[in-house]
Amino acid sequence: QLPSCVMEISNSNSYLDTFEQKIIQHIRTAGIVNKSKETSIVDELLDFRRERRKVFSALIRDLNNQNEQLQKLSKDMEDREIENESKKQEIQRIKLQHEKDLMDLKKKSAEELQNL
């Protein structure tokens, strides 16, 4: 799933495409006497559109890469949390076993002292 910022950029990009197309249509239907001037303006708008699309594409690509990295980091964090929880449980088990063994040793030592 794409992050919301990528969707917003895509929507903005589509809006700008539509807006630019309206401007181009207006220029073409405005009846500018000098056709070379009209062509020049339209060419500039189209050049602007190409550059804007390059920028937006690069931005979306970078955001997608960052999103992928974030997902990997999140997965790594989840894995480490699971591993840490497992280690905590193991430590708790060892601690309880140690306490039991210590109690057994104390009991055995007390019995041996009584038998002396």
PDB file of N, CA and C in Angstrom:
ATOM      1  N   GLN A   1       0.853  -1.185   0.000  1.00  0.00           N
ATOM      2  CA  GLN A   1       0.000   0.000   0.000  1.00  0.00           C
ATOM      3  C   GLN A   1       0.891   1.239   0.000  1.00  0.00           C
ATOM      4  N   LEU A   2       0.513   2.193  -0.837  1.00  0.00           N
ATOM      5  CA  LEU A   2       1.307   3.415  -0.946  1.00  0.00           C
ATOM      6  C   LEU A   2       1.030   4.337   0.231  1.00  0.00           C
ATOM      7  N   PRO A   3       2.068   5.020   0.725  1.00  0.00           N
ATOM      8  CA  PRO A   3       1.852   6.002   1.779  1.00  0.00           C
ATOM      9  C   PRO A   3       0.953   7.129   1.281  1.00  0.00           C
ATOM     10  N   SER A   4       0.277   7.773   2.199  1.00  0.00           N
ATOM     11  CA  SER A   4      -0.666   8.830   1.809  1.00  0.00           C
ATOM     12  C   SER A   4       0.030   9.980   1.093  1.00  0.00           C
ATOM     13  N   CYS A   5       1.272  10.280   1.468  1.00  0.00           N
ATOM     14  CA  CYS A   5       1.965  11.391   0.805  1.00  0.00           C
ATOM     15  C   CYS A   5       2.214  11.084  -0.668  1.00  0.00           C
ATOM     16  N   VAL A   6       2.453   9.815  -1.013  1.00  0.00           N
ATOM     17  CA  VAL A   6       2.646   9.449  -2.414  1.00  0.00           C
ATOM     18  C   VAL A   6       1.332   9.619  -3.169  1.00  0.00           C
ATOM     19  N   MET A   7       0.247   9.227  -2.530  1.00  0.00           N
ATOM     20  CA  MET A   7      -1.065   9.380  -3.161  1.00  0.00           C
ATOM     21  C   MET A   7      -1.381  10.862  -3.381  1.00  0.00           C
ATOM     22  N   GLU A   8      -1.057  11.699  -2.403  1.00  0.00           N
ATOM     23  CA  GLU A   8      -1.297  13.136  -2.539  1.00  0.00           C
ATOM     24  C   GLU A   8      -0.475  13.720  -3.688  1.00  0.00           C
ATOM     25  N   ILE A   9       0.764  13.283  -3.799  1.00  0.00           N
ATOM     26  CA  ILE A   9       1.625  13.771  -4.884  1.00  0.00           C
ATOM     27  C   ILE A   9       1.061  13.319  -6.223  1.00  0.00           C
ATOM     28  N   SER A  10       0.627  12.073  -6.296  1.00  0.00           N
ATOM     29  CA  SER A  10       0.037  11.575  -7.544  1.00  0.00           C
ATOM     30  C   SER A  10      -1.208  12.369  -7.907  1.00  0.00           C
ATOM     31  N   ASN A  11      -2.036  12.651  -6.916  1.00  0.00           N
ATOM     32  CA  ASN A  11      -3.244  13.441  -7.170  1.00  0.00           C
ATOM     33  C   ASN A  11      -2.886  14.856  -7.620  1.00  0.00           C
ATOM     34  N   SER A  12      -1.891  15.451  -6.972  1.00  0.00           N
ATOM     35  CA  SER A  12      -1.446  16.788  -7.358  1.00  0.00           C
ATOM     36  C   SER A  12      -0.903  16.778  -8.779  1.00  0.00           C
ATOM     37  N   ASN A  13      -0.160  15.745  -9.091  1.00  0.00           N
ATOM     38  CA  ASN A  13       0.410  15.611 -10.429  1.00  0.00           C
ATOM     39  C   ASN A  13      -0.709  15.530 -11.467  1.00  0.00           C
ATOM     40  N   SER A  14      -1.732  14.749 -11.191  1.00  0.00           N
ATOM     41  CA  SER A  14      -2.870  14.635 -12.117  1.00  0.00           C
ATOM     42  C   SER A  14      -3.594  15.968 -12.253  1.00  0.00           C
ATOM     43  N   TYR A  15      -3.755  16.651 -11.122  1.00  0.00           N
ATOM     44  CA  TYR A  15      -4.417  17.958 -11.160  1.00  0.00           C
ATOM     45  C   TYR A  15      -3.623  18.929 -12.034  1.00  0.00           C
ATOM     46  N   LEU A  16      -2.308  18.944 -11.850  1.00  0.00           N
ATOM     47  CA  LEU A  16      -1.466  19.847 -12.645  1.00  0.00           C
ATOM     48  C   LEU A  16      -1.517  19.490 -14.126  1.00  0.00           C
ATOM     49  N   ASP A  17      -1.530  18.201 -14.433  1.00  0.00           N
ATOM     50  CA  ASP A  17      -1.665  17.782 -15.842  1.00  0.00           C
ATOM     51  C   ASP A  17      -2.944  18.367 -16.449  1.00  0.00           C
ATOM     52  N   THR A  18      -4.035  18.228 -15.732  1.00  0.00           N
ATOM     53  CA  THR A  18      -5.330  18.736 -16.213  1.00  0.00           C
ATOM     54  C   THR A  18      -5.282  20.252 -16.371  1.00  0.00           C
ATOM     55  N   PHE A  19      -4.727  20.928 -15.376  1.00  0.00           N
ATOM     56  CA  PHE A  19      -4.636  22.386 -15.401  1.00  0.00           C
ATOM     57  C   PHE A  19      -3.781  22.860 -16.584  1.00  0.00           C
ATOM     58  N   GLU A  20      -2.652  22.211 -16.784  1.00  0.00           N
ATOM     59  CA  GLU A  20      -1.777  22.581 -17.899  1.00  0.00           C
ATOM     60  C   GLU A  20      -2.483  22.356 -19.237  1.00  0.00           C
ATOM     61  N   GLN A  21      -3.213  21.245 -19.327  1.00  0.00           N
ATOM     62  CA  GLN A  21      -3.916  20.959 -20.572  1.00  0.00           C
ATOM     63  C   GLN A  21      -4.963  22.038 -20.857  1.00  0.00           C
ATOM     64  N   LYS A  22      -5.637  22.516 -19.819  1.00  0.00           N
ATOM     65  CA  LYS A  22      -6.617  23.594 -19.984  1.00  0.00           C
ATOM     66  C   LYS A  22      -5.938  24.875 -20.472  1.00  0.00           C
ATOM     67  N   ILE A  23      -4.769  25.170 -19.916  1.00  0.00           N
ATOM     68  CA  ILE A  23      -4.030  26.366 -20.328  1.00  0.00           C
ATOM     69  C   ILE A  23      -3.627  26.248 -21.802  1.00  0.00           C
ATOM     70  N   ILE A  24      -3.120  25.074 -22.170  1.00  0.00           N
ATOM     71  CA  ILE A  24      -2.711  24.859 -23.564  1.00  0.00           C
ATOM     72  C   ILE A  24      -3.910  25.017 -24.491  1.00  0.00           C
ATOM     73  N   GLN A  25      -5.050  24.426 -24.121  1.00  0.00           N
ATOM     74  CA  GLN A  25      -6.256  24.560 -24.943  1.00  0.00           C
ATOM     75  C   GLN A  25      -6.683  26.017 -25.055  1.00  0.00           C
ATOM     76  N   HIS A  26      -6.611  26.735 -23.940  1.00  0.00           N
ATOM     77  CA  HIS A  26      -6.976  28.157 -23.949  1.00  0.00           C
ATOM     78  C   HIS A  26      -6.062  28.941 -24.894  1.00  0.00           C
ATOM     79  N   ILE A  27      -4.762  28.675 -24.810  1.00  0.00           N
ATOM     80  CA  ILE A  27      -3.804  29.379 -25.681  1.00  0.00           C
ATOM     81  C   ILE A  27      -4.113  29.075 -27.147  1.00  0.00           C
ATOM     82  N   ARG A  28      -4.412  27.815 -27.441  1.00  0.00           N
ATOM     83  CA  ARG A  28      -4.671  27.417 -28.834  1.00  0.00           C
ATOM     84  C   ARG A  28      -5.974  28.010 -29.366  1.00  0.00           C
ATOM     85  N   THR A  29      -6.948  28.231 -28.486  1.00  0.00           N
ATOM     86  CA  THR A  29      -8.246  28.754 -28.941  1.00  0.00           C
ATOM     87  C   THR A  29      -8.378  30.259 -28.729  1.00  0.00           C
ATOM     88  N   ALA A  30      -7.335  30.872 -28.167  1.00  0.00           N
ATOM     89  CA  ALA A  30      -7.411  32.300 -27.863  1.00  0.00           C
ATOM     90  C   ALA A  30      -7.294  33.169 -29.113  1.00  0.00           C
ATOM     91  N   GLY A  31      -6.854  32.582 -30.164  1.00  0.00           N
ATOM     92  CA  GLY A  31      -6.741  33.344 -31.403  1.00  0.00           C
ATOM     93  C   GLY A  31      -5.563  34.297 -31.418  1.00  0.00           C
ATOM     94  N   ILE A  32      -4.454  33.858 -30.842  1.00  0.00           N
ATOM     95  CA  ILE A  32      -3.249  34.687 -30.891  1.00  0.00           C
ATOM     96  C   ILE A  32      -2.834  34.801 -32.355  1.00  0.00           C
ATOM     97  N   VAL A  33      -2.612  36.039 -32.781  1.00  0.00           N
ATOM     98  CA  VAL A  33      -2.306  36.306 -34.189  1.00  0.00           C
ATOM     99  C   VAL A  33      -0.982  35.674 -34.585  1.00  0.00           C
ATOM    100  N   ASN A  34      -0.018  35.760 -33.726  1.00  0.00           N
ATOM    101  CA  ASN A  34       1.313  35.268 -34.028  1.00  0.00           C
ATOM    102  C   ASN A  34       1.394  33.777 -33.663  1.00  0.00           C
ATOM    103  N   LYS A  35       1.289  32.904 -34.651  1.00  0.00           N
ATOM    104  CA  LYS A  35       1.317  31.453 -34.421  1.00  0.00           C
ATOM    105  C   LYS A  35       2.629  30.987 -33.821  1.00  0.00           C
ATOM    106  N   SER A  36       3.732  31.627 -34.220  1.00  0.00           N
ATOM    107  CA  SER A  36       5.020  31.217 -33.662  1.00  0.00           C
ATOM    108  C   SER A  36       5.077  31.513 -32.164  1.00  0.00           C
ATOM    109  N   LYS A  37       4.448  32.620 -31.751  1.00  0.00           N
ATOM    110  CA  LYS A  37       4.381  32.961 -30.324  1.00  0.00           C
ATOM    111  C   LYS A  37       3.537  31.921 -29.582  1.00  0.00           C
ATOM    112  N   GLU A  38       2.417  31.551 -30.185  1.00  0.00           N
ATOM    113  CA  GLU A  38       1.543  30.527 -29.595  1.00  0.00           C
ATOM    114  C   GLU A  38       2.296  29.207 -29.448  1.00  0.00           C
ATOM    115  N   THR A  39       2.979  28.810 -30.488  1.00  0.00           N
ATOM    116  CA  THR A  39       3.744  27.567 -30.465  1.00  0.00           C
ATOM    117  C   THR A  39       4.842  27.622 -29.409  1.00  0.00           C
ATOM    118  N   SER A  40       5.487  28.757 -29.307  1.00  0.00           N
ATOM    119  CA  SER A  40       6.554  28.943 -28.315  1.00  0.00           C
ATOM    120  C   SER A  40       6.018  28.796 -26.895  1.00  0.00           C
ATOM    121  N   ILE A  41       4.871  29.421 -26.629  1.00  0.00           N
ATOM    122  CA  ILE A  41       4.265  29.334 -25.285  1.00  0.00           C
ATOM    123  C   ILE A  41       3.875  27.888 -24.974  1.00  0.00           C
ATOM    124  N   VAL A  42       3.240  27.229 -25.927  1.00  0.00           N
ATOM    125  CA  VAL A  42       2.834  25.833 -25.723  1.00  0.00           C
ATOM    126  C   VAL A  42       4.066  24.947 -25.505  1.00  0.00           C
ATOM    127  N   ASP A  43       5.112  25.164 -26.286  1.00  0.00           N
ATOM    128  CA  ASP A  43       6.341  24.386 -26.120  1.00  0.00           C
ATOM    129  C   ASP A  43       6.946  24.586 -24.732  1.00  0.00           C
ATOM    130  N   GLU A  44       6.940  25.821 -24.253  1.00  0.00           N
ATOM    131  CA  GLU A  44       7.453  26.096 -22.907  1.00  0.00           C
ATOM    132  C   GLU A  44       6.628  25.374 -21.851  1.00  0.00           C
ATOM    133  N   LEU A  45       5.313  25.412 -22.009  1.00  0.00           N
ATOM    134  CA  LEU A  45       4.444  24.698 -21.066  1.00  0.00           C
ATOM    135  C   LEU A  45       4.712  23.197 -21.096  1.00  0.00           C
ATOM    136  N   LEU A  46       4.893  22.651 -22.285  1.00  0.00           N
ATOM    137  CA  LEU A  46       5.166  21.221 -22.399  1.00  0.00           C
ATOM    138  C   LEU A  46       6.535  20.865 -21.812  1.00  0.00           C
ATOM    139  N   ASP A  47       7.524  21.736 -22.000  1.00  0.00           N
ATOM    140  CA  ASP A  47       8.840  21.533 -21.382  1.00  0.00           C
ATOM    141  C   ASP A  47       8.709  21.551 -19.854  1.00  0.00           C
ATOM    142  N   PHE A  48       7.931  22.520 -19.380  1.00  0.00           N
ATOM    143  CA  PHE A  48       7.693  22.612 -17.938  1.00  0.00           C
ATOM    144  C   PHE A  48       7.036  21.327 -17.436  1.00  0.00           C
ATOM    145  N   ARG A  49       6.057  20.818 -18.189  1.00  0.00           N
ATOM    146  CA  ARG A  49       5.352  19.596 -17.801  1.00  0.00           C
ATOM    147  C   ARG A  49       6.327  18.419 -17.721  1.00  0.00           C
ATOM    148  N   ARG A  50       7.199  18.283 -18.716  1.00  0.00           N
ATOM    149  CA  ARG A  50       8.163  17.185 -18.715  1.00  0.00           C
ATOM    150  C   ARG A  50       9.080  17.257 -17.491  1.00  0.00           C
ATOM    151  N   GLU A  51       9.574  18.453 -17.198  1.00  0.00           N
ATOM    152  CA  GLU A  51      10.463  18.615 -16.040  1.00  0.00           C
ATOM    153  C   GLU A  51       9.718  18.332 -14.731  1.00  0.00           C
ATOM    154  N   ARG A  52       8.487  18.831 -14.660  1.00  0.00           N
ATOM    155  CA  ARG A  52       7.697  18.593 -13.447  1.00  0.00           C
ATOM    156  C   ARG A  52       7.458  17.098 -13.264  1.00  0.00           C
ATOM    157  N   ARG A  53       7.149  16.401 -14.335  1.00  0.00           N
ATOM    158  CA  ARG A  53       6.918  14.960 -14.246  1.00  0.00           C
ATOM    159  C   ARG A  53       8.177  14.229 -13.793  1.00  0.00           C
ATOM    160  N   LYS A  54       9.343  14.679 -14.274  1.00  0.00           N
ATOM    161  CA  LYS A  54      10.603  14.071 -13.826  1.00  0.00           C
ATOM    162  C   LYS A  54      10.780  14.254 -12.325  1.00  0.00           C
ATOM    163  N   VAL A  55      10.508  15.481 -11.858  1.00  0.00           N
ATOM    164  CA  VAL A  55      10.657  15.782 -10.428  1.00  0.00           C
ATOM    165  C   VAL A  55       9.680  14.944  -9.611  1.00  0.00           C
ATOM    166  N   PHE A  56       8.428  14.927 -10.034  1.00  0.00           N
ATOM    167  CA  PHE A  56       7.418  14.157  -9.309  1.00  0.00           C
ATOM    168  C   PHE A  56       7.760  12.667  -9.321  1.00  0.00           C
ATOM    169  N   SER A  57       8.216  12.163 -10.451  1.00  0.00           N
ATOM    170  CA  SER A  57       8.589  10.742 -10.535  1.00  0.00           C
ATOM    171  C   SER A  57       9.734  10.426  -9.579  1.00  0.00           C
ATOM    172  N   ALA A  58      10.734  11.288  -9.567  1.00  0.00           N
ATOM    173  CA  ALA A  58      11.872  11.080  -8.666  1.00  0.00           C
ATOM    174  C   ALA A  58      11.416  11.159  -7.210  1.00  0.00           C
ATOM    175  N   LEU A  59      10.549  12.096  -6.914  1.00  0.00           N
ATOM    176  CA  LEU A  59      10.040  12.244  -5.556  1.00  0.00           C
ATOM    177  C   LEU A  59       9.251  11.014  -5.128  1.00  0.00           C
ATOM    178  N   ILE A  60       8.389  10.543  -5.991  1.00  0.00           N
ATOM    179  CA  ILE A  60       7.608   9.341  -5.682  1.00  0.00           C
ATOM    180  C   ILE A  60       8.526   8.127  -5.526  1.00  0.00           C
ATOM    181  N   ARG A  61       9.515   8.009  -6.399  1.00  0.00           N
ATOM    182  CA  ARG A  61      10.466   6.901  -6.308  1.00  0.00           C
ATOM    183  C   ARG A  61      11.220   6.949  -4.971  1.00  0.00           C
ATOM    184  N   ASP A  62      11.669   8.145  -4.581  1.00  0.00           N
ATOM    185  CA  ASP A  62      12.379   8.292  -3.308  1.00  0.00           C
ATOM    186  C   ASP A  62      11.465   7.967  -2.123  1.00  0.00           C
ATOM    187  N   LEU A  63      10.238   8.433  -2.180  1.00  0.00           N
ATOM    188  CA  LEU A  63       9.291   8.134  -1.098  1.00  0.00           C
ATOM    189  C   LEU A  63       8.997   6.640  -1.012  1.00  0.00           C
ATOM    190  N   ASN A  64       8.870   5.989  -2.156  1.00  0.00           N
ATOM    191  CA  ASN A  64       8.651   4.545  -2.154  1.00  0.00           C
ATOM    192  C   ASN A  64       9.852   3.807  -1.578  1.00  0.00           C
ATOM    193  N   ASN A  65      11.061   4.254  -1.930  1.00  0.00           N
ATOM    194  CA  ASN A  65      12.276   3.641  -1.368  1.00  0.00           C
ATOM    195  C   ASN A  65      12.328   3.827   0.143  1.00  0.00           C
ATOM    196  N   GLN A  66      12.004   5.032   0.594  1.00  0.00           N
ATOM    197  CA  GLN A  66      11.989   5.287   2.030  1.00  0.00           C
ATOM    198  C   GLN A  66      10.934   4.434   2.721  1.00  0.00           C
ATOM    199  N   ASN A  67       9.793   4.277   2.078  1.00  0.00           N
ATOM    200  CA  ASN A  67       8.736   3.449   2.642  1.00  0.00           C
ATOM    201  C   ASN A  67       9.183   1.998   2.761  1.00  0.00           C
ATOM    202  N   GLU A  68       9.864   1.492   1.725  1.00  0.00           N
ATOM    203  CA  GLU A  68      10.375   0.124   1.768  1.00  0.00           C
ATOM    204  C   GLU A  68      11.392  -0.040   2.902  1.00  0.00           C
ATOM    205  N   GLN A  69      12.282   0.944   3.039  1.00  0.00           N
ATOM    206  CA  GLN A  69      13.273   0.881   4.120  1.00  0.00           C
ATOM    207  C   GLN A  69      12.598   0.918   5.485  1.00  0.00           C
ATOM    208  N   LEU A  70      11.582   1.750   5.603  1.00  0.00           N
ATOM    209  CA  LEU A  70      10.852   1.839   6.864  1.00  0.00           C
ATOM    210  C   LEU A  70      10.158   0.519   7.187  1.00  0.00           C
ATOM    211  N   GLN A  71       9.584  -0.112   6.184  1.00  0.00           N
ATOM    212  CA  GLN A  71       8.932  -1.400   6.401  1.00  0.00           C
ATOM    213  C   GLN A  71       9.944  -2.456   6.837  1.00  0.00           C
ATOM    214  N   LYS A  72      11.138  -2.442   6.214  1.00  0.00           N
ATOM    215  CA  LYS A  72      12.182  -3.386   6.610  1.00  0.00           C
ATOM    216  C   LYS A  72      12.624  -3.140   8.048  1.00  0.00           C
ATOM    217  N   LEU A  73      12.801  -1.865   8.395  1.00  0.00           N
ATOM    218  CA  LEU A  73      13.203  -1.535   9.765  1.00  0.00           C
ATOM    219  C   LEU A  73      12.126  -1.944  10.769  1.00  0.00           C
ATOM    220  N   SER A  74      10.883  -1.725  10.416  1.00  0.00           N
ATOM    221  CA  SER A  74       9.777  -2.121  11.296  1.00  0.00           C
ATOM    222  C   SER A  74       9.766  -3.628  11.494  1.00  0.00           C
ATOM    223  N   LYS A  75       9.986  -4.362  10.413  1.00  0.00           N
ATOM    224  CA  LYS A  75      10.031  -5.825  10.502  1.00  0.00           C
ATOM    225  C   LYS A  75      11.198  -6.257  11.374  1.00  0.00           C
ATOM    226  N   ASP A  76      12.360  -5.629  11.192  1.00  0.00           N
ATOM    227  CA  ASP A  76      13.525  -5.949  12.020  1.00  0.00           C
ATOM    228  C   ASP A  76      13.244  -5.675  13.491  1.00  0.00           C
ATOM    229  N   MET A  77      12.582  -4.556  13.766  1.00  0.00           N
ATOM    230  CA  MET A  77      12.247  -4.224  15.147  1.00  0.00           C
ATOM    231  C   MET A  77      11.297  -5.258  15.747  1.00  0.00           C
ATOM    232  N   GLU A  78      10.303  -5.658  14.979  1.00  0.00           N
ATOM    233  CA  GLU A  78       9.368  -6.680  15.459  1.00  0.00           C
ATOM    234  C   GLU A  78      10.099  -7.986  15.752  1.00  0.00           C
ATOM    235  N   ASP A  79      10.985  -8.379  14.829  1.00  0.00           N
ATOM    236  CA  ASP A  79      11.756  -9.606  15.020  1.00  0.00           C
ATOM    237  C   ASP A  79      12.612  -9.520  16.282  1.00  0.00           C
ATOM    238  N   ARG A  80      13.234  -8.375  16.496  1.00  0.00           N
ATOM    239  CA  ARG A  80      14.083  -8.205  17.687  1.00  0.00           C
ATOM    240  C   ARG A  80      13.255  -8.186  18.966  1.00  0.00           C
ATOM    241  N   GLU A  81      12.073  -7.598  18.903  1.00  0.00           N
ATOM    242  CA  GLU A  81      11.198  -7.602  20.082  1.00  0.00           C
ATOM    243  C   GLU A  81      10.780  -9.027  20.433  1.00  0.00           C
ATOM    244  N   ILE A  82      10.469  -9.823  19.406  1.00  0.00           N
ATOM    245  CA  ILE A  82      10.112 -11.225  19.636  1.00  0.00           C
ATOM    246  C   ILE A  82      11.305 -11.975  20.225  1.00  0.00           C
ATOM    247  N   GLU A  83      12.482 -11.715  19.655  1.00  0.00           N
ATOM    248  CA  GLU A  83      13.703 -12.363  20.148  1.00  0.00           C
ATOM    249  C   GLU A  83      13.991 -11.944  21.593  1.00  0.00           C
ATOM    250  N   ASN A  84      13.838 -10.657  21.883  1.00  0.00           N
ATOM    251  CA  ASN A  84      14.074 -10.174  23.248  1.00  0.00           C
ATOM    252  C   ASN A  84      13.089 -10.794  24.234  1.00  0.00           C
ATOM    253  N   GLU A  85      11.834 -10.902  23.828  1.00  0.00           N
ATOM    254  CA  GLU A  85      10.828 -11.505  24.703  1.00  0.00           C
ATOM    255  C   GLU A  85      11.174 -12.963  24.972  1.00  0.00           C
ATOM    256  N   SER A  86      11.634 -13.653  23.932  1.00  0.00           N
ATOM    257  CA  SER A  86      12.041 -15.051  24.085  1.00  0.00           C
ATOM    258  C   SER A  86      13.222 -15.160  25.057  1.00  0.00           C
ATOM    259  N   LYS A  87      14.167 -14.253  24.918  1.00  0.00           N
ATOM    260  CA  LYS A  87      15.334 -14.265  25.812  1.00  0.00           C
ATOM    261  C   LYS A  87      14.929 -13.942  27.246  1.00  0.00           C
ATOM    262  N   LYS A  88      14.000 -13.014  27.419  1.00  0.00           N
ATOM    263  CA  LYS A  88      13.514 -12.688  28.771  1.00  0.00           C
ATOM    264  C   LYS A  88      12.866 -13.912  29.415  1.00  0.00           C
ATOM    265  N   GLN A  89      12.079 -14.623  28.625  1.00  0.00           N
ATOM    266  CA  GLN A  89      11.434 -15.824  29.146  1.00  0.00           C
ATOM    267  C   GLN A  89      12.464 -16.882  29.520  1.00  0.00           C
ATOM    268  N   GLU A  90      13.485 -17.019  28.694  1.00  0.00           N
ATOM    269  CA  GLU A  90      14.549 -17.985  28.979  1.00  0.00           C
ATOM    270  C   GLU A  90      15.304 -17.596  30.251  1.00  0.00           C
ATOM    271  N   ILE A  91      15.596 -16.312  30.394  1.00  0.00           N
ATOM    272  CA  ILE A  91      16.277 -15.821  31.604  1.00  0.00           C
ATOM    273  C   ILE A  91      15.419 -16.086  32.837  1.00  0.00           C
ATOM    274  N   GLN A  92      14.115 -15.817  32.714  1.00  0.00           N
ATOM    275  CA  GLN A  92      13.202 -16.060  33.838  1.00  0.00           C
ATOM    276  C   GLN A  92      13.175 -17.548  34.199  1.00  0.00           C
ATOM    277  N   ARG A  93      13.155 -18.409  33.170  1.00  0.00           N
ATOM    278  CA  ARG A  93      13.154 -19.851  33.412  1.00  0.00           C
ATOM    279  C   ARG A  93      14.442 -20.285  34.114  1.00  0.00           C
ATOM    280  N   ILE A  94      15.576 -19.753  33.645  1.00  0.00           N
ATOM    281  CA  ILE A  94      16.869 -20.086  34.258  1.00  0.00           C
ATOM    282  C   ILE A  94      16.915 -19.582  35.699  1.00  0.00           C
ATOM    283  N   LYS A  95      16.402 -18.381  35.922  1.00  0.00           N
ATOM    284  CA  LYS A  95      16.386 -17.808  37.266  1.00  0.00           C
ATOM    285  C   LYS A  95      15.548 -18.678  38.215  1.00  0.00           C
ATOM    286  N   LEU A  96      14.377 -19.094  37.776  1.00  0.00           N
ATOM    287  CA  LEU A  96      13.532 -19.949  38.604  1.00  0.00           C
ATOM    288  C   LEU A  96      14.202 -21.287  38.868  1.00  0.00           C
ATOM    289  N   GLN A  97      14.839 -21.849  37.840  1.00  0.00           N
ATOM    290  CA  GLN A  97      15.549 -23.115  38.011  1.00  0.00           C
ATOM    291  C   GLN A  97      16.706 -22.949  38.996  1.00  0.00           C
ATOM    292  N   HIS A  98      17.407 -21.827  38.880  1.00  0.00           N
ATOM    293  CA  HIS A  98      18.517 -21.547  39.799  1.00  0.00           C
ATOM    294  C   HIS A  98      18.007 -21.441  41.238  1.00  0.00           C
ATOM    295  N   GLU A  99      16.913 -20.722  41.436  1.00  0.00           N
ATOM    296  CA  GLU A  99      16.334 -20.591  42.776  1.00  0.00           C
ATOM    297  C   GLU A  99      15.917 -21.952  43.331  1.00  0.00           C
ATOM    298  N   LYS A 100      15.324 -22.798  42.478  1.00  0.00           N
ATOM    299  CA  LYS A 100      14.914 -24.141  42.899  1.00  0.00           C
ATOM    300  C   LYS A 100      16.140 -24.962  43.272  1.00  0.00           C
ATOM    301  N   ASP A 101      17.173 -24.903  42.407  1.00  0.00           N
ATOM    302  CA  ASP A 101      18.405 -25.654  42.682  1.00  0.00           C
ATOM    303  C   ASP A 101      19.053 -25.172  43.983  1.00  0.00           C
ATOM    304  N   LEU A 102      19.038 -23.866  44.204  1.00  0.00           N
ATOM    305  CA  LEU A 102      19.604 -23.302  45.432  1.00  0.00           C
ATOM    306  C   LEU A 102      18.839 -23.780  46.653  1.00  0.00           C
ATOM    307  N   MET A 103      17.518 -23.805  46.571  1.00  0.00           N
ATOM    308  CA  MET A 103      16.691 -24.286  47.687  1.00  0.00           C
ATOM    309  C   MET A 103      16.963 -25.770  47.947  1.00  0.00           C
ATOM    310  N   ASP A 104      17.094 -26.548  46.845  1.00  0.00           N
ATOM    311  CA  ASP A 104      17.399 -27.975  47.005  1.00  0.00           C
ATOM    312  C   ASP A 104      18.759 -28.162  47.676  1.00  0.00           C
ATOM    313  N   LEU A 105      19.753 -27.358  47.272  1.00  0.00           N
ATOM    314  CA  LEU A 105      21.087 -27.442  47.880  1.00  0.00           C
ATOM    315  C   LEU A 105      21.043 -27.086  49.369  1.00  0.00           C
ATOM    316  N   LYS A 106      20.310 -26.039  49.714  1.00  0.00           N
ATOM    317  CA  LYS A 106      20.185 -25.629  51.122  1.00  0.00           C
ATOM    318  C   LYS A 106      19.525 -26.748  51.930  1.00  0.00           C
ATOM    319  N   LYS A 107      18.482 -27.329  51.351  1.00  0.00           N
ATOM    320  CA  LYS A 107      17.771 -28.404  52.030  1.00  0.00           C
ATOM    321  C   LYS A 107      18.687 -29.608  52.222  1.00  0.00           C
ATOM    322  N   LYS A 108      19.421 -29.958  51.140  1.00  0.00           N
ATOM    323  CA  LYS A 108      20.336 -31.099  51.208  1.00  0.00           C
ATOM    324  C   LYS A 108      21.448 -30.829  52.216  1.00  0.00           C
ATOM    325  N   SER A 109      21.972 -29.590  52.225  1.00  0.00           N
ATOM    326  CA  SER A 109      23.032 -29.231  53.172  1.00  0.00           C
ATOM    327  C   SER A 109      22.510 -29.287  54.594  1.00  0.00           C
ATOM    328  N   ALA A 110      21.304 -28.828  54.814  1.00  0.00           N
ATOM    329  CA  ALA A 110      20.715 -28.880  56.154  1.00  0.00           C
ATOM    330  C   ALA A 110      20.524 -30.312  56.600  1.00  0.00           C
ATOM    331  N   GLU A 111      20.108 -31.181  55.693  1.00  0.00           N
ATOM    332  CA  GLU A 111      19.909 -32.605  56.042  1.00  0.00           C
ATOM    333  C   GLU A 111      21.259 -33.251  56.353  1.00  0.00           C
ATOM    334  N   GLU A 112      22.300 -32.919  55.589  1.00  0.00           N
ATOM    335  CA  GLU A 112      23.619 -33.489  55.826  1.00  0.00           C
ATOM    336  C   GLU A 112      24.182 -33.020  57.158  1.00  0.00           C
ATOM    337  N   LEU A 113      23.911 -31.734  57.504  1.00  0.00           N
ATOM    338  CA  LEU A 113      24.375 -31.223  58.793  1.00  0.00           C
ATOM    339  C   LEU A 113      23.662 -31.928  59.938  1.00  0.00           C
ATOM    340  N   GLN A 114      22.403 -32.225  59.767  1.00  0.00           N
ATOM    341  CA  GLN A 114      21.657 -32.931  60.822  1.00  0.00           C
ATOM    342  C   GLN A 114      22.151 -34.373  60.979  1.00  0.00           C
ATOM    343  N   ASN A 115      22.621 -34.959  59.878  1.00  0.00           N
ATOM    344  CA  ASN A 115      23.088 -36.317  59.920  1.00  0.00           C
ATOM    345  C   ASN A 115      24.480 -36.436  60.520  1.00  0.00           C
ATOM    346  N   LEU A 116      25.177 -35.346  60.711  1.00  0.00           N
ATOM    347  CA  LEU A 116      26.526 -35.392  61.291  1.00  0.00           C
ATOM    348  C   LEU A 116      26.517 -35.578  62.753  1.00  0.00           C
TER     349      LEU A 116
END
